[in-house]
């Protein structure tokens, strides 16, 4: 394939990309964001209840709910900005941002994306430690340790994104990489941030953690089978009891981690393809980019499910979570009913008091 500058005969191929992907994202994303914000808020409230907030993993789940919500808000803001820039006279929302405003906004936004990914890693490691090393005391098992891990994780990820303050800011009339540093910035953003920190390391850590947990559970099941000497019925009963106890933790672990993998893997693949196509620097490459762009927008919208589905996962696989959620709403209804009964009783008591006063007054007059 020839270089763009030397191939003017193929320029008619460079039509604007189809917009069907954008419109699918435009109408579906608000629904995902709304449901996700409601679900994450409920997760945060339930995990802060007295019976759950003493557990170390509740801090990870609360932090995940917060950063997932911020990520969803950021995605919605980006979508609205694209719409205003393409289809209205208002133009780019970030055109009024100062240089520092561009830096701090996109720095904070990418930190939220990274925290959402790495908090899943922390949860996976916490469950790995609970299954493989149940009697070993680690920071993951204590409240103070969980808070410290979240704080250190936030600090490390923030340091990893400080390159944005040097190479990114107000470029022309909008926020973007500085022209003289664009190549360096894109390499750091694509290969350092997206392919490594955003997906690469979290993917392999979560996958290895899940695999280790499954191996451990299988080994324990095998030991129970071999050591059962109480007859076939007792052996089957012990295996059934173990499976019942281990299934809940395993189901939650696998569902959370594989939801992350399933929703983010297509985005990674299409992103690699698009960046490879752009690097061709050819007419055919740009034409292929335009053809793939709508699919990229739909896949990106699909990845938002990762930030909004955790509430459903906890409800389906967490018995204690369902119990506390039900107790929260039941308590609210019972409290309102109790308040209503108290108000009604108070009104009846007030009426009786008024009647008694009237009787006393009439007796005084009679006397």
Protein backbone atom coordinates (compact mmCIF):
# COMPACT_ATOMS: atom_id res chain seq x y z
CA UNK A 1 0.00 0.00 0.00
CA UNK A 2 1.22 3.46 -0.87
CA UNK A 3 1.58 6.45 1.40
CA UNK A 4 -1.32 8.88 1.72
CA UNK A 5 0.63 11.76 0.25
CA UNK A 6 1.43 9.76 -2.89
CA UNK A 7 -2.01 8.32 -3.56
CA UNK A 8 -4.49 10.97 -4.57
CA UNK A 9 -6.43 8.55 -6.77
CA UNK A 10 -7.97 6.87 -3.72
CA UNK A 11 -9.14 10.05 -2.02
CA UNK A 12 -12.79 9.48 -3.02
CA UNK A 13 -12.68 6.46 -0.69
CA UNK A 14 -12.28 8.81 2.28
CA UNK A 15 -15.92 9.49 2.96
CA UNK A 16 -17.04 10.38 6.48
CA UNK A 17 -17.47 7.27 8.64
CA UNK A 18 -21.00 5.88 9.15
CA UNK A 19 -22.78 7.30 12.18
CA UNK A 20 -24.98 4.35 13.19
CA UNK A 21 -22.51 3.32 15.90
CA UNK A 22 -22.61 6.77 17.47
CA UNK A 23 -26.41 6.85 17.57
CA UNK A 24 -26.63 3.39 19.13
CA UNK A 25 -24.23 4.58 21.82
CA UNK A 26 -26.09 7.88 22.18
CA UNK A 27 -29.41 6.20 23.04
CA UNK A 28 -28.16 3.17 25.01
CA UNK A 29 -25.48 4.80 27.16
CA UNK A 30 -27.87 6.98 29.26
CA UNK A 31 -29.85 3.87 30.24
CA UNK A 32 -26.68 2.00 31.27
CA UNK A 33 -25.40 5.02 33.18
CA UNK A 34 -28.71 5.58 35.01
CA UNK A 35 -29.10 1.95 36.06
CA UNK A 36 -25.44 1.78 37.01
CA UNK A 37 -25.59 4.86 39.22
CA UNK A 38 -28.68 3.56 41.03
CA UNK A 39 -27.15 0.11 41.49
CA UNK A 40 -23.80 1.45 42.68
CA UNK A 41 -25.53 3.76 45.15
CA UNK A 42 -27.48 0.82 46.60
CA UNK A 43 -24.28 -1.24 46.80
CA UNK A 44 -22.56 1.54 48.74
CA UNK A 45 -25.49 1.95 51.16
CA UNK A 46 -25.82 -1.79 51.81
CA UNK A 47 -22.09 -2.25 52.34
CA UNK A 48 -22.07 0.56 54.90
CA UNK A 49 -24.71 -1.14 57.04
CA UNK A 50 -23.61 -2.27 60.48
CA UNK A 51 -23.50 -6.00 59.72
CA UNK A 52 -21.32 -5.58 56.61
CA UNK A 53 -19.11 -2.55 57.16
CA UNK A 54 -16.96 -4.50 59.64
CA UNK A 55 -15.80 -6.83 56.87
CA UNK A 56 -12.66 -5.93 54.93
CA UNK A 57 -14.10 -6.66 51.49
CA UNK A 58 -16.90 -4.14 52.07
CA UNK A 59 -14.33 -1.34 51.73
CA UNK A 60 -13.26 -2.65 48.32
CA UNK A 61 -16.87 -2.91 47.19
CA UNK A 62 -17.68 0.62 48.41
CA UNK A 63 -14.64 2.06 46.65
CA UNK A 64 -15.54 0.12 43.50
CA UNK A 65 -19.07 1.54 43.59
CA UNK A 66 -17.71 5.10 43.87
CA UNK A 67 -15.15 4.83 41.07
CA UNK A 68 -17.52 2.91 38.80
CA UNK A 69 -20.07 5.70 39.24
CA UNK A 70 -17.48 8.37 38.43
CA UNK A 71 -16.42 6.38 35.36
CA UNK A 72 -20.02 6.19 34.13
CA UNK A 73 -20.47 9.92 34.60
CA UNK A 74 -17.25 10.54 32.67
CA UNK A 75 -18.40 8.32 29.81
CA UNK A 76 -21.71 10.16 29.61
CA UNK A 77 -19.97 13.54 29.59
CA UNK A 78 -17.73 12.38 26.72
CA UNK A 79 -20.77 11.25 24.75
CA UNK A 80 -22.60 14.55 25.27
CA UNK A 81 -19.47 16.42 24.26
CA UNK A 82 -19.24 14.43 21.01
CA UNK A 83 -22.87 15.19 20.23
CA UNK A 84 -22.51 18.92 20.89
CA UNK A 85 -19.31 19.07 18.85
CA UNK A 86 -20.71 17.20 15.84
CA UNK A 87 -24.38 18.15 15.62
CA UNK A 88 -24.88 21.51 17.33
CA UNK A 89 -23.50 25.02 17.12
CA UNK A 90 -22.45 24.95 20.77
CA UNK A 91 -19.27 23.09 19.90
CA UNK A 92 -16.80 21.31 22.15
CA UNK A 93 -17.64 21.47 25.86
CA UNK A 94 -13.96 21.64 26.80
CA UNK A 95 -13.22 24.64 24.59
CA UNK A 96 -13.72 26.88 27.64
CA UNK A 97 -11.29 24.89 29.77
CA UNK A 98 -7.96 26.41 30.66
CA UNK A 99 -4.73 24.51 30.14
CA UNK A 100 -4.70 23.37 33.77
CA UNK A 101 -8.41 22.53 33.60
CA UNK A 102 -7.77 20.16 30.70
CA UNK A 103 -4.89 18.54 32.58
CA UNK A 104 -6.72 17.98 35.85
CA UNK A 105 -9.99 16.80 34.29
CA UNK A 106 -8.48 14.10 32.06
CA UNK A 107 -5.97 13.13 34.74
CA UNK A 108 -8.81 12.55 37.24
CA UNK A 109 -10.94 10.74 34.68
CA UNK A 110 -8.22 8.24 33.80
CA UNK A 111 -7.47 7.63 37.47
CA UNK A 112 -11.13 6.61 37.94
CA UNK A 113 -10.86 4.19 35.01
CA UNK A 114 -7.73 2.60 36.49
CA UNK A 115 -9.15 2.38 40.01
CA UNK A 116 -12.21 0.55 38.72
CA UNK A 117 -9.98 -2.05 37.06
CA UNK A 118 -7.51 -2.51 39.92
CA UNK A 119 -10.13 -2.70 42.66
CA UNK A 120 -11.40 -5.84 40.92
CA UNK A 121 -7.83 -7.14 41.17
CA UNK A 122 -7.85 -6.41 44.92
CA UNK A 123 -11.14 -8.25 45.35
CA UNK A 124 -9.79 -11.22 43.42
CA UNK A 125 -6.65 -11.33 45.58
CA UNK A 126 -8.76 -11.02 48.74
CA UNK A 127 -10.82 -14.03 47.76
CA UNK A 128 -7.70 -15.92 46.69
CA UNK A 129 -6.18 -15.34 50.10
CA UNK A 130 -9.41 -16.35 51.86
CA UNK A 131 -9.60 -19.67 50.00
CA UNK A 132 -5.93 -20.66 49.71
CA UNK A 133 -4.63 -19.16 52.99
CA UNK A 134 -7.66 -18.97 55.30
CA UNK A 135 -5.66 -18.87 58.56
CA UNK A 136 -2.95 -16.48 57.44
CA UNK A 137 -3.37 -12.92 58.67
CA UNK A 138 -2.80 -10.38 55.91
CA UNK A 139 -3.77 -6.72 55.37
CA UNK A 140 -6.50 -7.89 52.98
CA UNK A 141 -8.38 -9.44 55.91
CA UNK A 142 -8.51 -6.34 58.13
CA UNK A 143 -10.45 -3.10 57.77
CA UNK A 144 -7.44 -0.88 58.31
CA UNK A 145 -5.42 -2.99 55.88
CA UNK A 146 -8.10 -2.69 53.19
CA UNK A 147 -8.25 1.09 53.59
CA UNK A 148 -4.45 1.30 53.42
CA UNK A 149 -4.35 -0.84 50.27
CA UNK A 150 -6.97 1.34 48.56
CA UNK A 151 -5.08 4.49 49.51
CA UNK A 152 -1.73 3.13 48.31
CA UNK A 153 -3.33 1.91 45.10
CA UNK A 154 -4.78 5.35 44.45
CA UNK A 155 -1.39 6.97 45.08
CA UNK A 156 0.52 4.57 42.80
CA UNK A 157 -1.96 4.86 39.95
CA UNK A 158 -1.94 8.65 40.29
CA UNK A 159 1.85 8.69 39.98
CA UNK A 160 1.61 6.53 36.86
CA UNK A 161 -0.54 9.18 35.16
CA UNK A 162 1.55 12.26 35.96
CA UNK A 163 2.91 12.24 32.40
CA UNK A 164 -0.40 13.83 31.36
CA UNK A 165 0.58 17.06 33.11
CA UNK A 166 3.64 17.34 30.87
CA UNK A 167 2.27 16.27 27.48
CA UNK A 168 -1.46 17.06 27.64
CA UNK A 169 -3.45 20.26 28.00
CA UNK A 170 -5.20 22.87 25.92
CA UNK A 171 -4.15 22.33 22.31
CA UNK A 172 -5.69 24.87 19.98
CA UNK A 173 -9.38 25.28 20.77
CA UNK A 174 -9.79 22.00 22.64
CA UNK A 175 -8.14 19.63 25.11
CA UNK A 176 -5.55 17.27 23.66
CA UNK A 177 -1.92 16.27 23.46
CA UNK A 178 0.53 19.06 22.65
CA UNK A 179 1.58 18.87 18.99
CA UNK A 180 5.30 18.69 19.76
CA UNK A 181 4.75 15.84 22.28
CA UNK A 182 1.91 14.00 20.56
CA UNK A 183 3.90 10.92 19.57
CA UNK A 184 5.33 10.46 23.07
CA UNK A 185 1.94 11.02 24.66
CA UNK A 186 0.17 8.53 22.38
CA UNK A 187 2.77 5.85 23.09
CA UNK A 188 2.42 6.34 26.84
CA UNK A 189 -1.38 6.48 26.66
CA UNK A 190 -1.85 3.49 24.35
CA UNK A 191 0.87 1.09 25.46
CA UNK A 192 1.55 2.20 29.03
CA UNK A 193 -1.93 3.19 30.16
CA UNK A 194 -4.47 1.29 28.09
CA UNK A 195 -2.78 -1.96 27.05
CA UNK A 196 -0.73 -2.45 30.25
CA UNK A 197 -2.39 -0.81 33.26
CA UNK A 198 -5.99 -0.70 32.10
CA UNK A 199 -6.27 -4.25 30.84
CA UNK A 200 -3.03 -6.27 30.58
CA UNK A 201 -1.94 -6.61 34.22
CA UNK A 202 -5.49 -6.71 35.70
CA UNK A 203 -6.52 -9.37 33.17
CA UNK A 204 -3.66 -11.75 33.97
CA UNK A 205 -3.80 -11.21 37.75
CA UNK A 206 -7.54 -11.87 37.87
CA UNK A 207 -7.22 -14.87 35.56
CA UNK A 208 -4.39 -16.40 37.59
CA UNK A 209 -6.25 -15.72 40.84
CA UNK A 210 -9.39 -17.43 39.59
CA UNK A 211 -7.44 -20.39 38.29
CA UNK A 212 -5.67 -20.79 41.63
CA UNK A 213 -8.95 -20.68 43.55
CA UNK A 214 -10.51 -23.31 41.30
CA UNK A 215 -7.48 -25.58 41.71
CA UNK A 216 -7.61 -25.17 45.48
CA UNK A 217 -11.31 -26.00 45.64
CA UNK A 218 -10.83 -29.02 43.41
CA UNK A 219 -7.96 -30.22 45.63
CA UNK A 220 -10.09 -29.85 48.76
CA UNK A 221 -12.95 -31.73 47.14
CA UNK A 222 -10.55 -34.53 46.26
CA UNK A 223 -9.23 -34.69 49.84
CA UNK A 224 -12.76 -34.88 51.23
CA UNK A 225 -13.56 -37.68 48.83
CA UNK A 226 -10.45 -39.67 49.79
CA UNK A 227 -10.75 -39.13 53.54
CA UNK A 228 -14.43 -39.93 53.85
CA UNK A 229 -14.70 -43.24 55.71
CA UNK A 230 -18.26 -42.99 56.92
CA UNK A 231 -19.88 -44.79 54.00
CA UNK A 232 -21.06 -43.69 50.62
CA UNK A 233 -24.01 -41.69 51.93
CA UNK A 234 -21.88 -39.73 54.38
CA UNK A 235 -19.29 -39.13 51.70
CA UNK A 236 -21.87 -37.75 49.30
CA UNK A 237 -23.37 -35.65 52.05
CA UNK A 238 -20.01 -34.11 52.98
CA UNK A 239 -19.25 -33.33 49.36
CA UNK A 240 -22.66 -31.73 48.93
CA UNK A 241 -22.17 -29.59 52.03
CA UNK A 242 -18.74 -28.44 50.83
CA UNK A 243 -20.03 -27.65 47.37
CA UNK A 244 -22.86 -25.63 48.82
CA UNK A 245 -20.47 -23.58 50.94
CA UNK A 246 -17.79 -23.07 48.29
CA UNK A 247 -20.12 -22.36 45.37
CA UNK A 248 -21.23 -18.95 46.63
CA UNK A 249 -17.70 -17.55 46.94
CA UNK A 250 -16.58 -19.16 43.68
CA UNK A 251 -19.66 -17.96 41.79
CA UNK A 252 -19.20 -14.37 42.93
CA UNK A 253 -15.48 -14.44 42.16
CA UNK A 254 -15.91 -15.90 38.69
CA UNK A 255 -18.86 -13.69 37.82
CA UNK A 256 -17.16 -10.42 38.80
CA UNK A 257 -13.84 -11.24 37.14
CA UNK A 258 -15.23 -12.79 33.98
CA UNK A 259 -17.68 -9.91 33.59
CA UNK A 260 -14.66 -7.63 33.54
CA UNK A 261 -12.88 -9.85 31.01
CA UNK A 262 -15.89 -10.38 28.73
CA UNK A 263 -16.84 -6.69 28.62
CA UNK A 264 -13.32 -5.27 28.28
CA UNK A 265 -11.61 -7.85 26.00
CA UNK A 266 -13.55 -6.85 22.83
CA UNK A 267 -12.67 -3.20 23.48
CA UNK A 268 -8.99 -4.06 23.79
CA UNK A 269 -9.02 -6.07 20.55
CA UNK A 270 -10.80 -3.41 18.48
CA UNK A 271 -8.53 -0.72 19.95
CA UNK A 272 -5.40 -2.64 18.93
CA UNK A 273 -6.79 -3.07 15.43
CA UNK A 274 -7.67 0.62 15.09
CA UNK A 275 -4.28 1.81 16.32
CA UNK A 276 -2.53 -0.62 13.98
CA UNK A 277 -4.63 0.62 11.07
CA UNK A 278 -3.88 4.27 11.84
CA UNK A 279 -0.14 3.52 12.05
CA UNK A 280 -0.25 2.31 8.43
CA UNK A 281 -0.50 5.95 7.33
CA UNK A 282 -2.18 4.93 4.07
CA UNK A 283 -5.41 5.66 2.25
CA UNK A 284 -6.51 2.06 2.61
CA UNK A 285 -5.73 2.16 6.33
CA UNK A 286 -7.82 5.26 6.90
CA UNK A 287 -10.66 3.78 4.84
CA UNK A 288 -10.56 0.65 7.01
CA UNK A 289 -10.51 2.84 10.11
CA UNK A 290 -13.70 4.57 8.97
CA UNK A 291 -15.34 1.22 8.34
CA UNK A 292 -14.44 -0.10 11.80
CA UNK A 293 -15.24 3.08 13.75
CA UNK A 294 -18.99 2.37 14.23
CA UNK A 295 -18.23 -1.13 15.53
CA UNK A 296 -15.70 0.39 17.92
CA UNK A 297 -18.35 2.76 19.29
CA UNK A 298 -20.81 -0.08 19.89
CA UNK A 299 -18.15 -2.22 21.58
CA UNK A 300 -17.17 0.73 23.75
CA UNK A 301 -20.79 1.09 24.84
CA UNK A 302 -20.89 -2.63 25.63
CA UNK A 303 -17.87 -2.20 27.93
CA UNK A 304 -19.85 0.24 30.10
CA UNK A 305 -21.75 -2.76 31.43
CA UNK A 306 -18.64 -3.58 33.46
CA UNK A 307 -19.22 -0.44 35.54
CA UNK A 308 -22.97 -0.89 36.06
CA UNK A 309 -23.65 -4.60 36.58
CA UNK A 310 -22.00 -5.20 39.95
CA UNK A 311 -25.24 -4.66 41.85
CA UNK A 312 -26.89 -7.47 39.86
CA UNK A 313 -23.91 -9.74 40.53
CA UNK A 314 -24.07 -9.16 44.27
CA UNK A 315 -27.82 -9.74 44.35
CA UNK A 316 -27.61 -12.98 42.38
CA UNK A 317 -24.59 -14.50 44.14
CA UNK A 318 -24.48 -12.88 47.58
CA UNK A 319 -26.94 -14.26 50.12
CA UNK A 320 -25.83 -11.86 52.86
CA UNK A 321 -26.08 -8.92 50.47
CA UNK A 322 -29.65 -9.91 49.54
CA UNK A 323 -30.52 -10.30 53.20
CA UNK A 324 -29.21 -6.84 54.11
CA UNK A 325 -30.86 -5.26 51.07
CA UNK A 326 -34.19 -6.79 52.00
CA UNK A 327 -33.75 -5.79 55.64
CA UNK A 328 -32.98 -2.21 54.60
CA UNK A 329 -36.21 -1.82 52.63
CA UNK A 330 -38.23 -3.80 55.18
CA UNK A 331 -36.91 -1.58 57.96
CA UNK A 332 -37.84 1.51 55.96
CA UNK A 333 -41.40 0.26 55.47
CA UNK A 334 -41.76 -0.82 59.09
CA UNK A 335 -40.37 2.51 60.27
CA UNK A 336 -42.86 4.44 58.16
CA UNK A 337 -45.68 2.20 59.40
CA UNK A 338 -44.55 2.66 62.98
CA UNK A 339 -44.35 6.42 62.50
CA UNK A 340 -47.85 6.41 61.06
CA UNK A 341 -49.18 4.39 63.98
CA UNK A 342 -47.51 6.75 66.45
CA UNK A 343 -48.99 9.78 64.72
CA UNK A 344 -52.42 8.15 64.67
CA UNK A 345 -52.18 7.18 68.35
CA UNK A 346 -51.03 10.69 69.21
CA UNK A 347 -54.00 12.19 67.43
CA UNK A 348 -56.39 9.85 69.24
CA UNK A 349 -54.76 10.71 72.56
CA UNK A 350 -55.04 14.42 71.79
CA UNK A 351 -58.75 14.03 70.99
CA UNK A 352 -59.29 12.18 74.27
CA UNK A 353 -57.44 14.90 76.18
CA UNK A 354 -59.58 17.60 74.54
CA UNK A 355 -62.76 15.67 75.42
CA UNK A 356 -61.59 15.29 79.02
CA UNK A 357 -60.86 19.02 79.26
CA UNK A 358 -64.32 19.85 77.90
CA UNK A 359 -65.93 17.51 80.44
CA UNK A 360 -63.98 19.10 83.30
CA UNK A 361 -64.96 22.58 82.12
CA UNK A 362 -68.64 21.64 81.91
CA UNK A 363 -68.51 20.14 85.39
CA UNK A 364 -66.90 23.30 86.76
CA UNK A 365 -69.65 25.40 85.21
CA UNK A 366 -72.30 23.12 86.66
CA UNK A 367 -70.79 23.44 90.11
